[in-house]
Amino acid sequence: MSWLVQPRPINGPFDDPGLYIDFHYGRRAILFDLGDLSPLSNRELMRVSHVFVSHTHIDHFAGFERLLRVCLHRAGPLHLIGPPDFIDRVEHKLQGFTWNLVDETSVDFQLHVGEFDGVQISRRASFSARRVFRREELGVSELPKQVVLADDDFRIEAVALDHGIPSLAFGFRETVRVNVRRGVLESLGLPKGPWLSEAKSLIRTGAFDGDLVVPGVGTVSLKELRHQLFFVGPGQSVVYVTDAGFSESNKEKILFLAREADQLFIEAVFLERDRTLAEASLHLTAWQAGHLARLANVKDLALFHHSARYLEEPDVLRREAFKAFDDPQTS
């Protein structure tokens, strides 16, 4: 089955953390964290609809200006979610620039910014180019606990981890995976086209009894097509965890978020031999990252956010993490 999204790290494991999640269908992408964005093209950044920022340390937020500059003249809004006080941080960034060339005649580019308090989005505000990026408070939408975005095809879950400050971890979870069975479309004499995306969306929402208009064919029953044409299975899940100490509270939250994930992207900053450094800075060791991945029963483990102290032995963190991930005695 093809996946709804393709996630990839923005940088190498010794560079700024960040994950670019590209949708296979539709001109859309989302970002987890805003560190160094230089590996991403302007075209890739223009696809970004939502950004989820773990916290505003410089290596997680320094790329905000690049993204703003690229998106400044597009009509669609850019949505950002971060930890408590995130709206203030964005506002301070915007106030650092001179905006005499934007006014009520400008393209109506907007930033919609929300704050996740560990349970739900508790505050929202907007900043519009036509209003010279003055802050305007927004109402808060009703979402389930631990959910920061609910779309037709997927949701984004979040937890707040302890890094001395709140550091958010995020999980992308597809509602239901729907794929066209190979060769069946042609055998039924049905064309490719946008109607397939409409059918997939209806199936994901559980609307199986509707009818679809297929170009060149006419009206067809979705109920009949569902079993003939589509394969329906569990949705894709991608989890991003960074900047957190190995406490019992953090461990519980990470395991909740990463449960049965298809892919877990998790920091592995230090080796276990340097655990005292990890504890002092509230980061994970490679062994702890692999251990958590095993407990969460994830299918694939990807590591990032390595300390530069291991640049001379770049594979040692990966080896330690995967030893813990593959060892049944770590469960």
C-alpha atoms as a PDB file:
ATOM      1  CA  MET A   1       0.000   0.000   0.000  1.00  0.00           C
ATOM      2  CA  SER A   2       1.172   3.531  -0.713  1.00  0.00           C
ATOM      3  CA  TRP A   3       1.347   5.905   2.237  1.00  0.00           C
ATOM      4  CA  LEU A   4      -0.502   9.173   2.528  1.00  0.00           C
ATOM      5  CA  VAL A   5       2.662  11.088   3.467  1.00  0.00           C
ATOM      6  CA  GLN A   6       6.402  10.767   3.060  1.00  0.00           C
ATOM      7  CA  PRO A   7       8.356  12.049   6.092  1.00  0.00           C
ATOM      8  CA  ARG A   8      12.022  12.943   5.880  1.00  0.00           C
ATOM      9  CA  PRO A   9      14.492  14.683   8.214  1.00  0.00           C
ATOM     10  CA  ILE A  10      15.358  18.188   7.067  1.00  0.00           C
ATOM     11  CA  ASN A  11      18.991  17.951   8.149  1.00  0.00           C
ATOM     12  CA  GLY A  12      21.612  15.389   9.063  1.00  0.00           C
ATOM     13  CA  PRO A  13      21.621  13.787  12.527  1.00  0.00           C
ATOM     14  CA  PHE A  14      24.288  16.195  13.859  1.00  0.00           C
ATOM     15  CA  ASP A  15      22.461  19.294  12.613  1.00  0.00           C
ATOM     16  CA  ASP A  16      19.261  21.110  13.600  1.00  0.00           C
ATOM     17  CA  PRO A  17      16.259  18.864  14.318  1.00  0.00           C
ATOM     18  CA  GLY A  18      13.238  18.978  12.034  1.00  0.00           C
ATOM     19  CA  LEU A  19      10.949  16.800   9.943  1.00  0.00           C
ATOM     20  CA  TYR A  20       9.338  17.609   6.589  1.00  0.00           C
ATOM     21  CA  ILE A  21       6.166  15.629   5.928  1.00  0.00           C
ATOM     22  CA  ASP A  22       5.136  15.716   2.276  1.00  0.00           C
ATOM     23  CA  PHE A  23       1.693  14.576   1.125  1.00  0.00           C
ATOM     24  CA  HIS A  24       1.696  12.271  -1.881  1.00  0.00           C
ATOM     25  CA  TYR A  25      -1.601  13.666  -3.134  1.00  0.00           C
ATOM     26  CA  GLY A  26      -2.255  17.400  -3.201  1.00  0.00           C
ATOM     27  CA  ARG A  27       0.144  20.315  -2.931  1.00  0.00           C
ATOM     28  CA  ARG A  28       0.655  20.181   0.795  1.00  0.00           C
ATOM     29  CA  ALA A  29       3.295  19.590   3.438  1.00  0.00           C
ATOM     30  CA  ILE A  30       3.679  20.055   7.182  1.00  0.00           C
ATOM     31  CA  LEU A  31       6.739  20.732   9.322  1.00  0.00           C
ATOM     32  CA  PHE A  32       7.788  19.536  12.740  1.00  0.00           C
ATOM     33  CA  ASP A  33      10.181  22.212  14.065  1.00  0.00           C
ATOM     34  CA  LEU A  34      11.759  25.244  12.429  1.00  0.00           C
ATOM     35  CA  GLY A  35      15.522  24.956  12.743  1.00  0.00           C
ATOM     36  CA  ASP A  36      17.828  25.322   9.767  1.00  0.00           C
ATOM     37  CA  LEU A  37      15.578  25.078   6.686  1.00  0.00           C
ATOM     38  CA  SER A  38      18.280  25.650   4.061  1.00  0.00           C
ATOM     39  CA  PRO A  39      18.033  22.075   2.634  1.00  0.00           C
ATOM     40  CA  LEU A  40      14.411  22.783   1.662  1.00  0.00           C
ATOM     41  CA  SER A  41      13.659  24.643  -1.564  1.00  0.00           C
ATOM     42  CA  ASN A  42      11.311  27.609  -1.713  1.00  0.00           C
ATOM     43  CA  ARG A  43       8.917  25.428  -3.672  1.00  0.00           C
ATOM     44  CA  GLU A  44       8.856  22.864  -0.854  1.00  0.00           C
ATOM     45  CA  LEU A  45       8.312  25.556   1.766  1.00  0.00           C
ATOM     46  CA  MET A  46       5.434  27.068  -0.223  1.00  0.00           C
ATOM     47  CA  ARG A  47       3.613  23.743   0.179  1.00  0.00           C
ATOM     48  CA  VAL A  48       3.666  23.990   3.986  1.00  0.00           C
ATOM     49  CA  SER A  49       0.231  24.551   5.505  1.00  0.00           C
ATOM     50  CA  HIS A  50       0.975  23.780   9.181  1.00  0.00           C
ATOM     51  CA  VAL A  51       4.056  23.965  11.404  1.00  0.00           C
ATOM     52  CA  PHE A  52       4.330  22.288  14.808  1.00  0.00           C
ATOM     53  CA  VAL A  53       7.151  23.688  16.944  1.00  0.00           C
ATOM     54  CA  SER A  54       8.412  21.698  19.931  1.00  0.00           C
ATOM     55  CA  HIS A  55       9.890  24.749  21.711  1.00  0.00           C
ATOM     56  CA  THR A  56      11.673  27.968  20.815  1.00  0.00           C
ATOM     57  CA  HIS A  57      15.311  27.160  21.456  1.00  0.00           C
ATOM     58  CA  ILE A  58      17.270  28.599  18.535  1.00  0.00           C
ATOM     59  CA  ASP A  59      17.938  25.241  16.839  1.00  0.00           C
ATOM     60  CA  HIS A  60      14.180  24.586  16.715  1.00  0.00           C
ATOM     61  CA  PHE A  61      12.917  28.059  15.761  1.00  0.00           C
ATOM     62  CA  ALA A  62      15.651  29.922  13.859  1.00  0.00           C
ATOM     63  CA  GLY A  63      14.089  29.033  10.487  1.00  0.00           C
ATOM     64  CA  PHE A  64      10.913  31.009  11.142  1.00  0.00           C
ATOM     65  CA  GLU A  65      12.192  34.041   9.218  1.00  0.00           C
ATOM     66  CA  ARG A  66      13.035  31.966   6.124  1.00  0.00           C
ATOM     67  CA  LEU A  67       9.583  30.390   6.059  1.00  0.00           C
ATOM     68  CA  LEU A  68       7.905  33.759   6.617  1.00  0.00           C
ATOM     69  CA  ARG A  69       9.859  35.372   3.795  1.00  0.00           C
ATOM     70  CA  VAL A  70       8.983  32.599   1.338  1.00  0.00           C
ATOM     71  CA  CYS A  71       5.278  32.541   2.215  1.00  0.00           C
ATOM     72  CA  LEU A  72       4.777  36.282   2.670  1.00  0.00           C
ATOM     73  CA  HIS A  73       3.062  36.902  -0.662  1.00  0.00           C
ATOM     74  CA  ARG A  74       0.894  33.807  -0.858  1.00  0.00           C
ATOM     75  CA  ALA A  75      -2.842  34.035  -0.290  1.00  0.00           C
ATOM     76  CA  GLY A  76      -3.322  30.993   1.965  1.00  0.00           C
ATOM     77  CA  PRO A  77      -2.699  31.206   5.714  1.00  0.00           C
ATOM     78  CA  LEU A  78       0.191  29.554   7.530  1.00  0.00           C
ATOM     79  CA  HIS A  79      -0.789  27.746  10.746  1.00  0.00           C
ATOM     80  CA  LEU A  80       1.676  27.372  13.623  1.00  0.00           C
ATOM     81  CA  ILE A  81       1.304  25.488  16.910  1.00  0.00           C
ATOM     82  CA  GLY A  82       3.788  25.699  19.772  1.00  0.00           C
ATOM     83  CA  PRO A  83       4.091  25.564  23.567  1.00  0.00           C
ATOM     84  CA  PRO A  84       2.824  28.139  26.096  1.00  0.00           C
ATOM     85  CA  ASP A  85       3.961  31.729  25.292  1.00  0.00           C
ATOM     86  CA  PHE A  86       4.491  30.757  21.649  1.00  0.00           C
ATOM     87  CA  ILE A  87       2.192  33.531  20.392  1.00  0.00           C
ATOM     88  CA  ASP A  88       4.357  36.095  22.181  1.00  0.00           C
ATOM     89  CA  ARG A  89       7.501  34.638  20.593  1.00  0.00           C
ATOM     90  CA  VAL A  90       5.990  34.883  17.107  1.00  0.00           C
ATOM     91  CA  GLU A  91       4.795  38.422  17.780  1.00  0.00           C
ATOM     92  CA  HIS A  92       8.269  39.487  18.905  1.00  0.00           C
ATOM     93  CA  LYS A  93       9.748  38.021  15.720  1.00  0.00           C
ATOM     94  CA  LEU A  94       7.272  39.953  13.581  1.00  0.00           C
ATOM     95  CA  GLN A  95       7.892  43.200  15.469  1.00  0.00           C
ATOM     96  CA  GLY A  96      11.589  42.928  14.656  1.00  0.00           C
ATOM     97  CA  PHE A  97      10.906  43.829  11.010  1.00  0.00           C
ATOM     98  CA  THR A  98       9.782  47.071   9.347  1.00  0.00           C
ATOM     99  CA  TRP A  99       6.446  46.617   7.562  1.00  0.00           C
ATOM    100  CA  ASN A 100       5.921  49.944   5.787  1.00  0.00           C
ATOM    101  CA  LEU A 101       5.371  48.160   2.450  1.00  0.00           C
ATOM    102  CA  VAL A 102       2.352  46.128   3.603  1.00  0.00           C
ATOM    103  CA  ASP A 103      -1.137  47.589   4.072  1.00  0.00           C
ATOM    104  CA  GLU A 104      -4.804  46.896   3.322  1.00  0.00           C
ATOM    105  CA  THR A 105      -4.008  46.449  -0.395  1.00  0.00           C
ATOM    106  CA  SER A 106      -1.447  43.665   0.212  1.00  0.00           C
ATOM    107  CA  VAL A 107      -2.028  39.989  -0.448  1.00  0.00           C
ATOM    108  CA  ASP A 108      -3.965  38.838   2.615  1.00  0.00           C
ATOM    109  CA  PHE A 109      -1.284  36.522   3.987  1.00  0.00           C
ATOM    110  CA  GLN A 110      -2.027  35.498   7.563  1.00  0.00           C
ATOM    111  CA  LEU A 111      -0.327  33.643  10.376  1.00  0.00           C
ATOM    112  CA  HIS A 112      -2.674  31.679  12.629  1.00  0.00           C
ATOM    113  CA  VAL A 113      -0.810  30.802  15.819  1.00  0.00           C
ATOM    114  CA  GLY A 114      -1.910  28.505  18.644  1.00  0.00           C
ATOM    115  CA  GLU A 115      -0.515  27.379  21.991  1.00  0.00           C
ATOM    116  CA  PHE A 116      -0.788  23.832  23.313  1.00  0.00           C
ATOM    117  CA  ASP A 117      -0.829  23.688  27.119  1.00  0.00           C
ATOM    118  CA  GLY A 118      -0.194  19.957  27.451  1.00  0.00           C
ATOM    119  CA  VAL A 119      -3.832  18.956  27.113  1.00  0.00           C
ATOM    120  CA  GLN A 120      -5.376  21.180  24.457  1.00  0.00           C
ATOM    121  CA  ILE A 121      -4.927  24.360  22.441  1.00  0.00           C
ATOM    122  CA  SER A 122      -5.641  27.055  25.025  1.00  0.00           C
ATOM    123  CA  ARG A 123      -4.899  30.274  23.084  1.00  0.00           C
ATOM    124  CA  ARG A 124      -4.999  31.386  19.447  1.00  0.00           C
ATOM    125  CA  ALA A 125      -4.137  34.605  17.630  1.00  0.00           C
ATOM    126  CA  SER A 126      -3.746  35.818  14.063  1.00  0.00           C
ATOM    127  CA  PHE A 127      -1.335  38.205  12.357  1.00  0.00           C
ATOM    128  CA  SER A 128      -2.397  39.589   8.976  1.00  0.00           C
ATOM    129  CA  ALA A 129      -0.258  41.389   6.378  1.00  0.00           C
ATOM    130  CA  ARG A 130      -3.182  43.694   5.593  1.00  0.00           C
ATOM    131  CA  ARG A 131      -3.196  44.766   9.253  1.00  0.00           C
ATOM    132  CA  VAL A 132       0.584  45.200   9.336  1.00  0.00           C
ATOM    133  CA  PHE A 133       0.847  41.988  11.404  1.00  0.00           C
ATOM    134  CA  ARG A 134      -0.911  43.434  14.417  1.00  0.00           C
ATOM    135  CA  ARG A 135      -1.972  40.714  16.824  1.00  0.00           C
ATOM    136  CA  GLU A 136      -5.639  39.756  16.957  1.00  0.00           C
ATOM    137  CA  GLU A 137      -6.965  37.230  19.446  1.00  0.00           C
ATOM    138  CA  LEU A 138      -8.969  34.293  18.069  1.00  0.00           C
ATOM    139  CA  GLY A 139     -11.392  31.871  19.628  1.00  0.00           C
ATOM    140  CA  VAL A 140     -10.312  28.358  20.512  1.00  0.00           C
ATOM    141  CA  SER A 141     -11.733  25.445  18.501  1.00  0.00           C
ATOM    142  CA  GLU A 142     -13.054  22.376  20.259  1.00  0.00           C
ATOM    143  CA  LEU A 143     -10.727  19.425  19.723  1.00  0.00           C
ATOM    144  CA  PRO A 144     -10.267  16.159  21.626  1.00  0.00           C
ATOM    145  CA  LYS A 145      -7.627  16.137  24.347  1.00  0.00           C
ATOM    146  CA  GLN A 146      -4.051  15.724  23.079  1.00  0.00           C
ATOM    147  CA  VAL A 147      -5.129  16.667  19.520  1.00  0.00           C
ATOM    148  CA  VAL A 148      -3.832  19.879  17.912  1.00  0.00           C
ATOM    149  CA  LEU A 149      -5.178  19.344  14.389  1.00  0.00           C
ATOM    150  CA  ALA A 150      -8.065  17.228  13.123  1.00  0.00           C
ATOM    151  CA  ASP A 151      -8.326  16.969   9.342  1.00  0.00           C
ATOM    152  CA  ASP A 152     -10.572  14.774   7.204  1.00  0.00           C
ATOM    153  CA  ASP A 153      -7.801  12.250   6.544  1.00  0.00           C
ATOM    154  CA  PHE A 154      -5.562  12.547   9.611  1.00  0.00           C
ATOM    155  CA  ARG A 155      -4.997  14.136  13.003  1.00  0.00           C
ATOM    156  CA  ILE A 156      -1.959  15.509  14.822  1.00  0.00           C
ATOM    157  CA  GLU A 157      -1.602  14.430  18.451  1.00  0.00           C
ATOM    158  CA  ALA A 158       0.686  16.185  20.935  1.00  0.00           C
ATOM    159  CA  VAL A 159       2.135  15.797  24.414  1.00  0.00           C
ATOM    160  CA  ALA A 160       4.210  18.230  26.470  1.00  0.00           C
ATOM    161  CA  LEU A 161       7.520  16.791  27.682  1.00  0.00           C
ATOM    162  CA  ASP A 162       9.850  18.149  30.349  1.00  0.00           C
ATOM    163  CA  HIS A 163      13.029  19.780  28.997  1.00  0.00           C
ATOM    164  CA  GLY A 164      13.302  22.273  31.829  1.00  0.00           C
ATOM    165  CA  ILE A 165      10.647  24.041  29.785  1.00  0.00           C
ATOM    166  CA  PRO A 166       7.711  22.390  27.976  1.00  0.00           C
ATOM    167  CA  SER A 167       8.909  20.659  24.800  1.00  0.00           C
ATOM    168  CA  LEU A 168       6.150  19.335  22.572  1.00  0.00           C
ATOM    169  CA  ALA A 169       6.264  15.970  20.820  1.00  0.00           C
ATOM    170  CA  PHE A 170       3.933  15.285  17.898  1.00  0.00           C
ATOM    171  CA  GLY A 171       2.290  12.321  16.236  1.00  0.00           C
ATOM    172  CA  PHE A 172       0.757  12.212  12.747  1.00  0.00           C
ATOM    173  CA  ARG A 173      -2.002   9.604  12.539  1.00  0.00           C
ATOM    174  CA  GLU A 174      -3.904   8.874   9.358  1.00  0.00           C
ATOM    175  CA  THR A 175      -7.565   8.108  10.039  1.00  0.00           C
ATOM    176  CA  VAL A 176      -7.824   5.134   7.643  1.00  0.00           C
ATOM    177  CA  ARG A 177      -5.548   4.123   4.805  1.00  0.00           C
ATOM    178  CA  VAL A 178      -7.346   3.723   1.477  1.00  0.00           C
ATOM    179  CA  ASN A 179      -5.580   2.504  -1.672  1.00  0.00           C
ATOM    180  CA  VAL A 180      -6.730   1.492  -5.122  1.00  0.00           C
ATOM    181  CA  ARG A 181      -6.197  -2.222  -5.784  1.00  0.00           C
ATOM    182  CA  ARG A 182      -3.629  -2.767  -8.499  1.00  0.00           C
ATOM    183  CA  GLY A 183      -5.104  -3.515 -11.904  1.00  0.00           C
ATOM    184  CA  VAL A 184      -8.739  -3.332 -10.755  1.00  0.00           C
ATOM    185  CA  LEU A 185      -9.379   0.202 -12.031  1.00  0.00           C
ATOM    186  CA  GLU A 186      -8.568  -0.824 -15.595  1.00  0.00           C
ATOM    187  CA  SER A 187     -10.518  -4.088 -15.386  1.00  0.00           C
ATOM    188  CA  LEU A 188     -13.645  -2.178 -14.328  1.00  0.00           C
ATOM    189  CA  GLY A 189     -13.211   0.309 -17.152  1.00  0.00           C
ATOM    190  CA  LEU A 190     -12.926   3.253 -14.776  1.00  0.00           C
ATOM    191  CA  PRO A 191     -10.702   6.284 -15.462  1.00  0.00           C
ATOM    192  CA  LYS A 192      -8.141   7.837 -13.175  1.00  0.00           C
ATOM    193  CA  GLY A 193      -8.933  11.314 -11.872  1.00  0.00           C
ATOM    194  CA  PRO A 194      -9.983  13.535  -8.945  1.00  0.00           C
ATOM    195  CA  TRP A 195     -13.061  11.390  -8.310  1.00  0.00           C
ATOM    196  CA  LEU A 196     -10.772   8.773  -6.730  1.00  0.00           C
ATOM    197  CA  SER A 197      -9.603  11.261  -4.079  1.00  0.00           C
ATOM    198  CA  GLU A 198     -13.245  12.122  -3.356  1.00  0.00           C
ATOM    199  CA  ALA A 199     -14.066   8.431  -2.955  1.00  0.00           C
ATOM    200  CA  LYS A 200     -11.123   7.890  -0.591  1.00  0.00           C
ATOM    201  CA  SER A 201     -12.187  10.840   1.557  1.00  0.00           C
ATOM    202  CA  LEU A 202     -15.733   9.504   1.810  1.00  0.00           C
ATOM    203  CA  ILE A 203     -14.475   6.056   2.828  1.00  0.00           C
ATOM    204  CA  ARG A 204     -12.214   7.572   5.521  1.00  0.00           C
ATOM    205  CA  THR A 205     -15.217   9.382   7.005  1.00  0.00           C
ATOM    206  CA  GLY A 206     -17.286   6.179   6.990  1.00  0.00           C
ATOM    207  CA  ALA A 207     -19.737   7.373   4.334  1.00  0.00           C
ATOM    208  CA  PHE A 208     -20.038   4.111   2.388  1.00  0.00           C
ATOM    209  CA  ASP A 209     -23.573   4.448   1.016  1.00  0.00           C
ATOM    210  CA  GLY A 210     -23.177   7.496  -1.210  1.00  0.00           C
ATOM    211  CA  ASP A 211     -22.993   7.765  -4.971  1.00  0.00           C
ATOM    212  CA  LEU A 212     -20.146   9.137  -7.053  1.00  0.00           C
ATOM    213  CA  VAL A 213     -20.144  10.792 -10.450  1.00  0.00           C
ATOM    214  CA  VAL A 214     -17.331   9.266 -12.512  1.00  0.00           C
ATOM    215  CA  PRO A 215     -16.418  11.226 -15.678  1.00  0.00           C
ATOM    216  CA  GLY A 216     -17.296   9.299 -18.820  1.00  0.00           C
ATOM    217  CA  VAL A 217     -19.125   6.615 -16.809  1.00  0.00           C
ATOM    218  CA  GLY A 218     -21.891   8.283 -14.822  1.00  0.00           C
ATOM    219  CA  THR A 219     -23.162   7.657 -11.299  1.00  0.00           C
ATOM    220  CA  VAL A 220     -21.710   4.655  -9.457  1.00  0.00           C
ATOM    221  CA  SER A 221     -22.379   3.218  -6.003  1.00  0.00           C
ATOM    222  CA  LEU A 222     -19.567   3.777  -3.509  1.00  0.00           C
ATOM    223  CA  LYS A 223     -20.777   0.791  -1.494  1.00  0.00           C
ATOM    224  CA  GLU A 224     -20.165  -1.532  -4.440  1.00  0.00           C
ATOM    225  CA  LEU A 225     -16.861   0.054  -5.410  1.00  0.00           C
ATOM    226  CA  ARG A 226     -15.471   0.000  -1.864  1.00  0.00           C
ATOM    227  CA  HIS A 227     -14.960  -3.761  -1.832  1.00  0.00           C
ATOM    228  CA  GLN A 228     -14.099  -4.170  -5.503  1.00  0.00           C
ATOM    229  CA  LEU A 229     -11.727  -1.275  -6.025  1.00  0.00           C
ATOM    230  CA  PHE A 230     -10.284  -0.177  -2.695  1.00  0.00           C
ATOM    231  CA  PHE A 231      -8.093  -1.753  -0.057  1.00  0.00           C
ATOM    232  CA  VAL A 232      -8.865  -0.297   3.377  1.00  0.00           C
ATOM    233  CA  GLY A 233      -6.441  -0.735   6.273  1.00  0.00           C
ATOM    234  CA  PRO A 234      -4.986   0.904   9.355  1.00  0.00           C
ATOM    235  CA  GLY A 235      -3.729   4.433   8.780  1.00  0.00           C
ATOM    236  CA  GLN A 236      -0.113   5.537   8.701  1.00  0.00           C
ATOM    237  CA  SER A 237       1.450   6.942  11.879  1.00  0.00           C
ATOM    238  CA  VAL A 238       4.592   9.067  12.226  1.00  0.00           C
ATOM    239  CA  VAL A 239       5.892  10.329  15.590  1.00  0.00           C
ATOM    240  CA  TYR A 240       8.452  13.055  16.325  1.00  0.00           C
ATOM    241  CA  VAL A 241      10.115  13.277  19.760  1.00  0.00           C
ATOM    242  CA  THR A 242      12.902  15.658  20.706  1.00  0.00           C
ATOM    243  CA  ASP A 243      14.446  17.454  23.697  1.00  0.00           C
ATOM    244  CA  ALA A 244      13.175  15.508  26.695  1.00  0.00           C
ATOM    245  CA  GLY A 245      14.694  13.968  29.786  1.00  0.00           C
ATOM    246  CA  PHE A 246      14.241  10.289  30.626  1.00  0.00           C
ATOM    247  CA  SER A 247      11.781  10.765  33.496  1.00  0.00           C
ATOM    248  CA  GLU A 248       8.849   8.495  34.300  1.00  0.00           C
ATOM    249  CA  SER A 249       6.398  11.211  33.260  1.00  0.00           C
ATOM    250  CA  ASN A 250       8.138  11.788  29.916  1.00  0.00           C
ATOM    251  CA  LYS A 251       8.429   8.063  29.333  1.00  0.00           C
ATOM    252  CA  GLU A 252       4.680   7.568  29.852  1.00  0.00           C
ATOM    253  CA  LYS A 253       3.815  10.384  27.456  1.00  0.00           C
ATOM    254  CA  ILE A 254       6.244   9.229  24.765  1.00  0.00           C
ATOM    255  CA  LEU A 255       4.885   5.683  24.907  1.00  0.00           C
ATOM    256  CA  PHE A 256       1.332   7.004  24.560  1.00  0.00           C
ATOM    257  CA  LEU A 257       2.250   9.089  21.529  1.00  0.00           C
ATOM    258  CA  ALA A 258       4.473   6.475  19.842  1.00  0.00           C
ATOM    259  CA  ARG A 259       2.227   3.451  20.406  1.00  0.00           C
ATOM    260  CA  GLU A 260       2.412   1.051  17.432  1.00  0.00           C
ATOM    261  CA  ALA A 261       3.798   3.832  15.203  1.00  0.00           C
ATOM    262  CA  ASP A 262       4.972   3.033  11.697  1.00  0.00           C
ATOM    263  CA  GLN A 263       7.891   5.442  12.094  1.00  0.00           C
ATOM    264  CA  LEU A 264       9.392   6.996  15.204  1.00  0.00           C
ATOM    265  CA  PHE A 265      11.807   9.897  14.736  1.00  0.00           C
ATOM    266  CA  ILE A 266      13.452  10.414  18.117  1.00  0.00           C
ATOM    267  CA  GLU A 267      16.465  12.246  19.446  1.00  0.00           C
ATOM    268  CA  ALA A 268      19.559  10.329  20.546  1.00  0.00           C
ATOM    269  CA  VAL A 269      21.853  13.033  21.866  1.00  0.00           C
ATOM    270  CA  PHE A 270      24.346  11.156  24.048  1.00  0.00           C
ATOM    271  CA  LEU A 271      25.722   7.685  24.548  1.00  0.00           C
ATOM    272  CA  GLU A 272      24.742   5.744  27.638  1.00  0.00           C
ATOM    273  CA  ARG A 273      28.303   6.123  28.928  1.00  0.00           C
ATOM    274  CA  ASP A 274      27.573   9.870  29.055  1.00  0.00           C
ATOM    275  CA  ARG A 275      24.220   9.553  30.795  1.00  0.00           C
ATOM    276  CA  THR A 276      25.200  12.177  33.388  1.00  0.00           C
ATOM    277  CA  LEU A 277      25.426  14.719  30.555  1.00  0.00           C
ATOM    278  CA  ALA A 278      22.013  13.635  29.261  1.00  0.00           C
ATOM    279  CA  GLU A 279      20.468  13.957  32.710  1.00  0.00           C
ATOM    280  CA  ALA A 280      22.012  17.389  33.290  1.00  0.00           C
ATOM    281  CA  SER A 281      20.703  18.727  29.958  1.00  0.00           C
ATOM    282  CA  LEU A 282      17.399  16.793  29.990  1.00  0.00           C
ATOM    283  CA  HIS A 283      18.085  14.884  26.780  1.00  0.00           C
ATOM    284  CA  LEU A 284      17.816  11.206  25.813  1.00  0.00           C
ATOM    285  CA  THR A 285      20.687   8.788  25.347  1.00  0.00           C
ATOM    286  CA  ALA A 286      20.765   6.524  22.313  1.00  0.00           C
ATOM    287  CA  TRP A 287      20.014   3.498  24.498  1.00  0.00           C
ATOM    288  CA  GLN A 288      16.977   5.247  25.992  1.00  0.00           C
ATOM    289  CA  ALA A 289      15.696   6.147  22.515  1.00  0.00           C
ATOM    290  CA  GLY A 290      15.958   2.544  21.353  1.00  0.00           C
ATOM    291  CA  HIS A 291      14.439   1.261  24.589  1.00  0.00           C
ATOM    292  CA  LEU A 292      11.410   3.549  24.231  1.00  0.00           C
ATOM    293  CA  ALA A 293      10.970   2.534  20.587  1.00  0.00           C
ATOM    294  CA  ARG A 294      10.897  -1.124  21.584  1.00  0.00           C
ATOM    295  CA  LEU A 295       8.412  -0.562  24.411  1.00  0.00           C
ATOM    296  CA  ALA A 296       6.141   1.394  22.054  1.00  0.00           C
ATOM    297  CA  ASN A 297       6.333  -1.463  19.504  1.00  0.00           C
ATOM    298  CA  VAL A 298       7.170   0.875  16.632  1.00  0.00           C
ATOM    299  CA  LYS A 299       7.955  -0.596  13.226  1.00  0.00           C
ATOM    300  CA  ASP A 300      10.764   1.701  12.157  1.00  0.00           C
ATOM    301  CA  LEU A 301      13.209   3.787  14.208  1.00  0.00           C
ATOM    302  CA  ALA A 302      15.012   6.904  12.951  1.00  0.00           C
ATOM    303  CA  LEU A 303      17.486   8.891  15.058  1.00  0.00           C
ATOM    304  CA  PHE A 304      18.522  12.544  15.004  1.00  0.00           C
ATOM    305  CA  HIS A 305      19.829  15.399  17.197  1.00  0.00           C
ATOM    306  CA  HIS A 306      23.242  13.855  17.969  1.00  0.00           C
ATOM    307  CA  SER A 307      25.774  15.701  20.106  1.00  0.00           C
ATOM    308  CA  ALA A 308      28.766  17.015  18.172  1.00  0.00           C
ATOM    309  CA  ARG A 309      31.047  15.254  20.673  1.00  0.00           C
ATOM    310  CA  TYR A 310      30.523  12.063  18.600  1.00  0.00           C
ATOM    311  CA  LEU A 311      31.399  13.498  15.185  1.00  0.00           C
ATOM    312  CA  GLU A 312      34.536  11.367  15.048  1.00  0.00           C
ATOM    313  CA  GLU A 313      32.492   8.182  15.584  1.00  0.00           C
ATOM    314  CA  PRO A 314      29.245   8.987  13.745  1.00  0.00           C
ATOM    315  CA  ASP A 315      27.724   5.481  13.829  1.00  0.00           C
ATOM    316  CA  VAL A 316      28.174   4.764  17.525  1.00  0.00           C
ATOM    317  CA  LEU A 317      24.862   6.338  18.587  1.00  0.00           C
ATOM    318  CA  ARG A 318      22.928   4.408  15.964  1.00  0.00           C
ATOM    319  CA  ARG A 319      24.540   1.135  17.002  1.00  0.00           C
ATOM    320  CA  GLU A 320      23.694   1.677  20.663  1.00  0.00           C
ATOM    321  CA  ALA A 321      20.095   2.667  19.935  1.00  0.00           C
ATOM    322  CA  PHE A 322      19.418  -0.295  17.659  1.00  0.00           C
ATOM    323  CA  LYS A 323      20.990  -2.699  20.108  1.00  0.00           C
ATOM    324  CA  ALA A 324      18.377  -1.580  22.652  1.00  0.00           C
ATOM    325  CA  PHE A 325      15.635  -1.594  20.012  1.00  0.00           C
ATOM    326  CA  ASP A 326      16.393  -5.148  18.889  1.00  0.00           C
ATOM    327  CA  ASP A 327      17.076  -6.651  22.340  1.00  0.00           C
ATOM    328  CA  PRO A 328      14.020  -8.351  23.951  1.00  0.00           C
ATOM    329  CA  GLN A 329      15.585  -7.937  27.391  1.00  0.00           C
ATOM    330  CA  THR A 330      15.100  -4.166  27.196  1.00  0.00           C
ATOM    331  CA  SER A 331      11.302  -4.535  27.301  1.00  0.00           C
END
